[in-house]
Amino acid sequence: MEPSFEEPSTSDLRAGPGRPPADAGLHRRLVYGEEAALAEAYAAYGPLVRRVATRVTRDHTAAEDVAQEVFAHLWSRPYAFDVRRGSLRSWLSMLAHRRAVDWVRGEERHRKAVHADEAALRAAPAPAPAPDEAILEQERSLLLHSAVARLPLPQQQVVHLAYFAGRTYRQTAVELGIPEGTAKTRLRTALRTLAETLADPPLRGERP
């Protein structure tokens, strides 16, 4: 059963408003799979988890995602928390910090990979020089559009939005109705393919 992360009403909080729940009792209820216990933990510690994640990621959307992951982990693996080794508050804060750091590192790796692919695309050899610069520019444009047209449709869509229409990753994801991470992955794959294609363009007279 999937846990619910909706804020419970005050009447649902067994520990009472303004007071954190007792860790041992809450942990026992989580182990037994009591969803009300998860709702109680989320109400008591959700703001703290989001604050920790926001400080690390500096991104409110990412912080919300981290919070969802933290409480999903608590729900699916309640035994990971040991009441004898510390408070649930401290454990959730530590877990939120770890997940937020992982998010930042993943974003940095992704940015470096995309930048490397973009650099490779910019460094791709241009077609053989032509007497007229306008003709040369037209040939480059045709080669690029021909290469884009050979990409799978999902990759074509992100390239058109991100490069030809100037959309950000987030805008591209919203327009296509896909997660932002999926948009980034498709764009990265498309850029790598385009860089390889343009590095070895078809000879004049050959069909692309």
C-alpha atoms as a PDB file:
ATOM      1  CA  MET A   1       0.000   0.000   0.000  1.00  0.00           C
ATOM      2  CA  GLU A   2       1.352   3.425  -0.937  1.00  0.00           C
ATOM      3  CA  PRO A   3       1.679   5.852   1.991  1.00  0.00           C
ATOM      4  CA  SER A   4      -0.179   9.143   1.981  1.00  0.00           C
ATOM      5  CA  PHE A   5       1.733  12.361   2.694  1.00  0.00           C
ATOM      6  CA  GLU A   6      -1.236  14.652   3.177  1.00  0.00           C
ATOM      7  CA  GLU A   7      -1.162  16.860   6.263  1.00  0.00           C
ATOM      8  CA  PRO A   8      -3.435  15.297   8.911  1.00  0.00           C
ATOM      9  CA  SER A   9      -5.867  17.292  10.982  1.00  0.00           C
ATOM     10  CA  THR A  10      -5.079  18.129  14.597  1.00  0.00           C
ATOM     11  CA  SER A  11      -7.487  15.450  15.774  1.00  0.00           C
ATOM     12  CA  ASP A  12      -5.364  12.833  13.986  1.00  0.00           C
ATOM     13  CA  LEU A  13      -2.211  13.632  15.948  1.00  0.00           C
ATOM     14  CA  ARG A  14      -2.008  11.307  18.899  1.00  0.00           C
ATOM     15  CA  ALA A  15       0.876  13.266  20.421  1.00  0.00           C
ATOM     16  CA  GLY A  16      -1.228  16.434  20.504  1.00  0.00           C
ATOM     17  CA  PRO A  17      -0.594  19.712  18.668  1.00  0.00           C
ATOM     18  CA  GLY A  18       2.794  21.308  19.176  1.00  0.00           C
ATOM     19  CA  ARG A  19       4.383  18.199  20.742  1.00  0.00           C
ATOM     20  CA  PRO A  20       6.480  15.631  18.838  1.00  0.00           C
ATOM     21  CA  PRO A  21       5.289  12.033  19.069  1.00  0.00           C
ATOM     22  CA  ALA A  22       7.076   9.550  21.334  1.00  0.00           C
ATOM     23  CA  ASP A  23       9.663   7.807  19.154  1.00  0.00           C
ATOM     24  CA  ALA A  24       9.267   4.305  20.565  1.00  0.00           C
ATOM     25  CA  GLY A  25       5.500   4.214  20.203  1.00  0.00           C
ATOM     26  CA  LEU A  26       5.559   5.839  16.782  1.00  0.00           C
ATOM     27  CA  HIS A  27       8.247   3.463  15.591  1.00  0.00           C
ATOM     28  CA  ARG A  28       6.263   0.456  16.782  1.00  0.00           C
ATOM     29  CA  ARG A  29       3.183   1.629  14.874  1.00  0.00           C
ATOM     30  CA  LEU A  30       5.256   2.194  11.724  1.00  0.00           C
ATOM     31  CA  VAL A  31       6.650  -1.320  11.975  1.00  0.00           C
ATOM     32  CA  TYR A  32       3.072  -2.614  12.133  1.00  0.00           C
ATOM     33  CA  GLY A  33       2.274  -0.638   8.954  1.00  0.00           C
ATOM     34  CA  GLU A  34      -0.070   1.906  10.530  1.00  0.00           C
ATOM     35  CA  GLU A  35      -0.565   4.730   8.026  1.00  0.00           C
ATOM     36  CA  ALA A  36      -1.747   7.097  10.743  1.00  0.00           C
ATOM     37  CA  ALA A  37       1.726   6.784  12.289  1.00  0.00           C
ATOM     38  CA  LEU A  38       3.310   7.920   9.036  1.00  0.00           C
ATOM     39  CA  ALA A  39       0.917  10.859   8.840  1.00  0.00           C
ATOM     40  CA  GLU A  40       1.834  11.751  12.406  1.00  0.00           C
ATOM     41  CA  ALA A  41       5.569  11.593  11.647  1.00  0.00           C
ATOM     42  CA  TYR A  42       5.078  13.702   8.536  1.00  0.00           C
ATOM     43  CA  ALA A  43       3.121  16.339  10.431  1.00  0.00           C
ATOM     44  CA  ALA A  44       5.709  16.484  13.206  1.00  0.00           C
ATOM     45  CA  TYR A  45       8.907  16.351  11.173  1.00  0.00           C
ATOM     46  CA  GLY A  46       7.976  17.210   7.566  1.00  0.00           C
ATOM     47  CA  PRO A  47       8.782  20.943   7.967  1.00  0.00           C
ATOM     48  CA  LEU A  48      12.167  20.089   9.474  1.00  0.00           C
ATOM     49  CA  VAL A  49      13.019  17.667   6.661  1.00  0.00           C
ATOM     50  CA  ARG A  50      12.051  20.246   4.018  1.00  0.00           C
ATOM     51  CA  ARG A  51      14.141  22.945   5.725  1.00  0.00           C
ATOM     52  CA  VAL A  52      17.211  20.709   5.797  1.00  0.00           C
ATOM     53  CA  ALA A  53      16.733  19.738   2.152  1.00  0.00           C
ATOM     54  CA  THR A  54      16.153  23.337   1.061  1.00  0.00           C
ATOM     55  CA  ARG A  55      19.345  24.532   2.764  1.00  0.00           C
ATOM     56  CA  VAL A  56      21.357  21.938   0.849  1.00  0.00           C
ATOM     57  CA  THR A  57      19.655  21.997  -2.563  1.00  0.00           C
ATOM     58  CA  ARG A  58      18.548  25.669  -2.605  1.00  0.00           C
ATOM     59  CA  ASP A  59      15.602  24.395  -4.628  1.00  0.00           C
ATOM     60  CA  HIS A  60      12.124  24.153  -3.110  1.00  0.00           C
ATOM     61  CA  THR A  61      10.910  21.628  -5.679  1.00  0.00           C
ATOM     62  CA  ALA A  62      13.918  19.419  -5.037  1.00  0.00           C
ATOM     63  CA  ALA A  63      13.387  19.786  -1.292  1.00  0.00           C
ATOM     64  CA  GLU A  64       9.810  18.535  -1.654  1.00  0.00           C
ATOM     65  CA  ASP A  65      11.064  15.556  -3.651  1.00  0.00           C
ATOM     66  CA  VAL A  66      13.687  14.817  -0.986  1.00  0.00           C
ATOM     67  CA  ALA A  67      11.027  14.984   1.744  1.00  0.00           C
ATOM     68  CA  GLN A  68       8.861  12.503  -0.167  1.00  0.00           C
ATOM     69  CA  GLU A  69      11.847  10.147  -0.496  1.00  0.00           C
ATOM     70  CA  VAL A  70      12.724  10.443   3.197  1.00  0.00           C
ATOM     71  CA  PHE A  71       9.242   9.572   4.424  1.00  0.00           C
ATOM     72  CA  ALA A  72       8.810   6.872   1.781  1.00  0.00           C
ATOM     73  CA  HIS A  73      12.030   5.356   3.148  1.00  0.00           C
ATOM     74  CA  LEU A  74      10.706   5.603   6.701  1.00  0.00           C
ATOM     75  CA  TRP A  75       7.490   3.876   5.613  1.00  0.00           C
ATOM     76  CA  SER A  76       9.109   1.090   3.613  1.00  0.00           C
ATOM     77  CA  ARG A  77      12.039   0.477   5.969  1.00  0.00           C
ATOM     78  CA  PRO A  78      11.023   1.434   9.501  1.00  0.00           C
ATOM     79  CA  TYR A  79      13.622  -0.972  10.893  1.00  0.00           C
ATOM     80  CA  ALA A  80      16.367   1.309   9.530  1.00  0.00           C
ATOM     81  CA  PHE A  81      15.644   3.623  12.454  1.00  0.00           C
ATOM     82  CA  ASP A  82      16.898   2.403  15.839  1.00  0.00           C
ATOM     83  CA  VAL A  83      15.224   4.131  18.797  1.00  0.00           C
ATOM     84  CA  ARG A  84      18.173   3.126  21.003  1.00  0.00           C
ATOM     85  CA  ARG A  85      20.691   5.106  18.947  1.00  0.00           C
ATOM     86  CA  GLY A  86      19.015   8.500  18.794  1.00  0.00           C
ATOM     87  CA  SER A  87      15.836  10.442  18.166  1.00  0.00           C
ATOM     88  CA  LEU A  88      13.656  10.131  15.100  1.00  0.00           C
ATOM     89  CA  ARG A  89      14.091  13.873  14.569  1.00  0.00           C
ATOM     90  CA  SER A  90      17.878  13.514  14.301  1.00  0.00           C
ATOM     91  CA  TRP A  91      17.643  10.426  12.116  1.00  0.00           C
ATOM     92  CA  LEU A  92      15.245  12.070   9.659  1.00  0.00           C
ATOM     93  CA  SER A  93      17.423  15.200   9.542  1.00  0.00           C
ATOM     94  CA  MET A  94      20.485  13.089   8.739  1.00  0.00           C
ATOM     95  CA  LEU A  95      18.612  11.144   6.070  1.00  0.00           C
ATOM     96  CA  ALA A  96      17.271  14.361   4.517  1.00  0.00           C
ATOM     97  CA  HIS A  97      20.777  15.828   4.415  1.00  0.00           C
ATOM     98  CA  ARG A  98      22.169  12.705   2.732  1.00  0.00           C
ATOM     99  CA  ARG A  99      19.415  12.581   0.131  1.00  0.00           C
ATOM    100  CA  ALA A 100      19.766  16.315  -0.566  1.00  0.00           C
ATOM    101  CA  VAL A 101      23.541  15.978  -1.021  1.00  0.00           C
ATOM    102  CA  ASP A 102      22.945  13.071  -3.415  1.00  0.00           C
ATOM    103  CA  TRP A 103      20.553  15.290  -5.383  1.00  0.00           C
ATOM    104  CA  VAL A 104      23.109  18.116  -5.619  1.00  0.00           C
ATOM    105  CA  ARG A 105      25.855  15.719  -6.734  1.00  0.00           C
ATOM    106  CA  GLY A 106      23.561  14.153  -9.309  1.00  0.00           C
ATOM    107  CA  GLU A 107      22.650  17.577 -10.699  1.00  0.00           C
ATOM    108  CA  GLU A 108      26.310  18.540 -10.915  1.00  0.00           C
ATOM    109  CA  ARG A 109      27.215  15.325 -12.741  1.00  0.00           C
ATOM    110  CA  HIS A 110      24.348  15.853 -15.137  1.00  0.00           C
ATOM    111  CA  ARG A 111      25.346  19.481 -15.836  1.00  0.00           C
ATOM    112  CA  LYS A 112      28.933  18.453 -16.547  1.00  0.00           C
ATOM    113  CA  ALA A 113      27.810  15.687 -18.887  1.00  0.00           C
ATOM    114  CA  VAL A 114      25.455  18.020 -20.776  1.00  0.00           C
ATOM    115  CA  HIS A 115      28.110  20.718 -21.043  1.00  0.00           C
ATOM    116  CA  ALA A 116      30.585  18.151 -22.379  1.00  0.00           C
ATOM    117  CA  ASP A 117      28.076  17.028 -25.008  1.00  0.00           C
ATOM    118  CA  GLU A 118      27.352  20.643 -25.952  1.00  0.00           C
ATOM    119  CA  ALA A 119      31.078  21.334 -26.303  1.00  0.00           C
ATOM    120  CA  ALA A 120      31.466  18.274 -28.513  1.00  0.00           C
ATOM    121  CA  LEU A 121      28.585  19.461 -30.663  1.00  0.00           C
ATOM    122  CA  ARG A 122      30.118  22.942 -31.031  1.00  0.00           C
ATOM    123  CA  ALA A 123      33.508  21.405 -31.841  1.00  0.00           C
ATOM    124  CA  ALA A 124      32.151  19.167 -34.601  1.00  0.00           C
ATOM    125  CA  PRO A 125      33.891  19.880 -37.923  1.00  0.00           C
ATOM    126  CA  ALA A 126      31.962  22.115 -40.271  1.00  0.00           C
ATOM    127  CA  PRO A 127      31.142  20.915 -43.809  1.00  0.00           C
ATOM    128  CA  ALA A 128      33.681  21.587 -46.551  1.00  0.00           C
ATOM    129  CA  PRO A 129      34.002  25.344 -47.235  1.00  0.00           C
ATOM    130  CA  ALA A 130      31.934  26.792 -50.048  1.00  0.00           C
ATOM    131  CA  PRO A 131      32.613  29.973 -52.025  1.00  0.00           C
ATOM    132  CA  ASP A 132      29.564  31.701 -50.674  1.00  0.00           C
ATOM    133  CA  GLU A 133      29.224  31.978 -46.850  1.00  0.00           C
ATOM    134  CA  ALA A 134      25.436  31.992 -47.150  1.00  0.00           C
ATOM    135  CA  ILE A 135      25.578  28.662 -48.973  1.00  0.00           C
ATOM    136  CA  LEU A 136      27.902  27.291 -46.287  1.00  0.00           C
ATOM    137  CA  GLU A 137      25.563  28.395 -43.534  1.00  0.00           C
ATOM    138  CA  GLN A 138      22.641  26.827 -45.374  1.00  0.00           C
ATOM    139  CA  GLU A 139      24.527  23.540 -45.662  1.00  0.00           C
ATOM    140  CA  ARG A 140      25.292  23.572 -41.938  1.00  0.00           C
ATOM    141  CA  SER A 141      21.666  24.231 -41.123  1.00  0.00           C
ATOM    142  CA  LEU A 142      20.512  21.439 -43.424  1.00  0.00           C
ATOM    143  CA  LEU A 143      22.987  19.013 -41.879  1.00  0.00           C
ATOM    144  CA  LEU A 144      21.868  19.903 -38.381  1.00  0.00           C
ATOM    145  CA  HIS A 145      18.157  19.645 -39.161  1.00  0.00           C
ATOM    146  CA  SER A 146      18.737  16.406 -41.047  1.00  0.00           C
ATOM    147  CA  ALA A 147      20.573  14.983 -38.033  1.00  0.00           C
ATOM    148  CA  VAL A 148      17.795  16.136 -35.691  1.00  0.00           C
ATOM    149  CA  ALA A 149      15.181  14.574 -37.962  1.00  0.00           C
ATOM    150  CA  ARG A 150      16.888  11.187 -37.589  1.00  0.00           C
ATOM    151  CA  LEU A 151      16.602  11.287 -33.805  1.00  0.00           C
ATOM    152  CA  PRO A 152      13.789   9.381 -32.065  1.00  0.00           C
ATOM    153  CA  LEU A 153      10.694  11.545 -31.734  1.00  0.00           C
ATOM    154  CA  PRO A 154      11.009  12.079 -27.932  1.00  0.00           C
ATOM    155  CA  GLN A 155      14.566  13.390 -28.427  1.00  0.00           C
ATOM    156  CA  GLN A 156      13.498  15.583 -31.343  1.00  0.00           C
ATOM    157  CA  GLN A 157      10.890  17.200 -29.133  1.00  0.00           C
ATOM    158  CA  VAL A 158      13.291  18.158 -26.353  1.00  0.00           C
ATOM    159  CA  VAL A 159      15.889  19.472 -28.835  1.00  0.00           C
ATOM    160  CA  HIS A 160      13.317  21.655 -30.580  1.00  0.00           C
ATOM    161  CA  LEU A 161      12.034  23.070 -27.308  1.00  0.00           C
ATOM    162  CA  ALA A 162      15.360  23.463 -25.503  1.00  0.00           C
ATOM    163  CA  TYR A 163      17.457  24.780 -28.406  1.00  0.00           C
ATOM    164  CA  PHE A 164      15.280  26.047 -31.197  1.00  0.00           C
ATOM    165  CA  ALA A 165      12.562  27.456 -28.914  1.00  0.00           C
ATOM    166  CA  GLY A 166      14.860  28.452 -26.044  1.00  0.00           C
ATOM    167  CA  ARG A 167      12.958  26.620 -23.298  1.00  0.00           C
ATOM    168  CA  THR A 168      14.546  25.707 -19.958  1.00  0.00           C
ATOM    169  CA  TYR A 169      14.683  22.103 -18.741  1.00  0.00           C
ATOM    170  CA  ARG A 170      11.708  22.730 -16.489  1.00  0.00           C
ATOM    171  CA  GLN A 171       9.658  24.444 -19.212  1.00  0.00           C
ATOM    172  CA  THR A 172      10.490  21.627 -21.629  1.00  0.00           C
ATOM    173  CA  ALA A 173       9.395  19.022 -19.097  1.00  0.00           C
ATOM    174  CA  VAL A 174       6.145  20.862 -18.368  1.00  0.00           C
ATOM    175  CA  GLU A 175       5.253  21.285 -22.053  1.00  0.00           C
ATOM    176  CA  LEU A 176       5.924  17.623 -22.792  1.00  0.00           C
ATOM    177  CA  GLY A 177       4.294  16.389 -19.584  1.00  0.00           C
ATOM    178  CA  ILE A 178       7.384  14.450 -18.469  1.00  0.00           C
ATOM    179  CA  PRO A 179       9.626  14.613 -15.368  1.00  0.00           C
ATOM    180  CA  GLU A 180      12.438  17.171 -15.519  1.00  0.00           C
ATOM    181  CA  GLY A 181      15.019  14.404 -15.128  1.00  0.00           C
ATOM    182  CA  THR A 182      13.600  12.612 -18.161  1.00  0.00           C
ATOM    183  CA  ALA A 183      13.848  15.810 -20.217  1.00  0.00           C
ATOM    184  CA  LYS A 184      17.497  16.194 -19.206  1.00  0.00           C
ATOM    185  CA  THR A 185      18.321  12.588 -20.050  1.00  0.00           C
ATOM    186  CA  ARG A 186      16.662  12.803 -23.481  1.00  0.00           C
ATOM    187  CA  LEU A 187      18.463  16.048 -24.283  1.00  0.00           C
ATOM    188  CA  ARG A 188      21.808  14.666 -23.178  1.00  0.00           C
ATOM    189  CA  THR A 189      21.361  11.554 -25.331  1.00  0.00           C
ATOM    190  CA  ALA A 190      20.264  13.662 -28.304  1.00  0.00           C
ATOM    191  CA  LEU A 191      23.269  15.986 -28.013  1.00  0.00           C
ATOM    192  CA  ARG A 192      25.672  13.066 -27.914  1.00  0.00           C
ATOM    193  CA  THR A 193      24.078  11.545 -31.016  1.00  0.00           C
ATOM    194  CA  LEU A 194      24.138  14.869 -32.883  1.00  0.00           C
ATOM    195  CA  ALA A 195      27.788  15.443 -31.990  1.00  0.00           C
ATOM    196  CA  GLU A 196      28.712  12.011 -33.365  1.00  0.00           C
ATOM    197  CA  THR A 197      26.626  12.521 -36.511  1.00  0.00           C
ATOM    198  CA  LEU A 198      27.985  15.979 -37.304  1.00  0.00           C
ATOM    199  CA  ALA A 199      31.551  14.877 -36.642  1.00  0.00           C
ATOM    200  CA  ASP A 200      31.224  12.558 -39.661  1.00  0.00           C
ATOM    201  CA  PRO A 201      28.691  14.197 -42.004  1.00  0.00           C
ATOM    202  CA  PRO A 202      27.607  12.444 -45.235  1.00  0.00           C
ATOM    203  CA  LEU A 203      29.569  13.232 -48.408  1.00  0.00           C
ATOM    204  CA  ARG A 204      28.084  15.558 -50.988  1.00  0.00           C
ATOM    205  CA  GLY A 205      25.662  13.694 -53.183  1.00  0.00           C
ATOM    206  CA  GLU A 206      24.932  11.060 -50.545  1.00  0.00           C
ATOM    207  CA  ARG A 207      21.546  10.866 -48.940  1.00  0.00           C
ATOM    208  CA  PRO A 208      21.729  11.744 -45.206  1.00  0.00           C
END
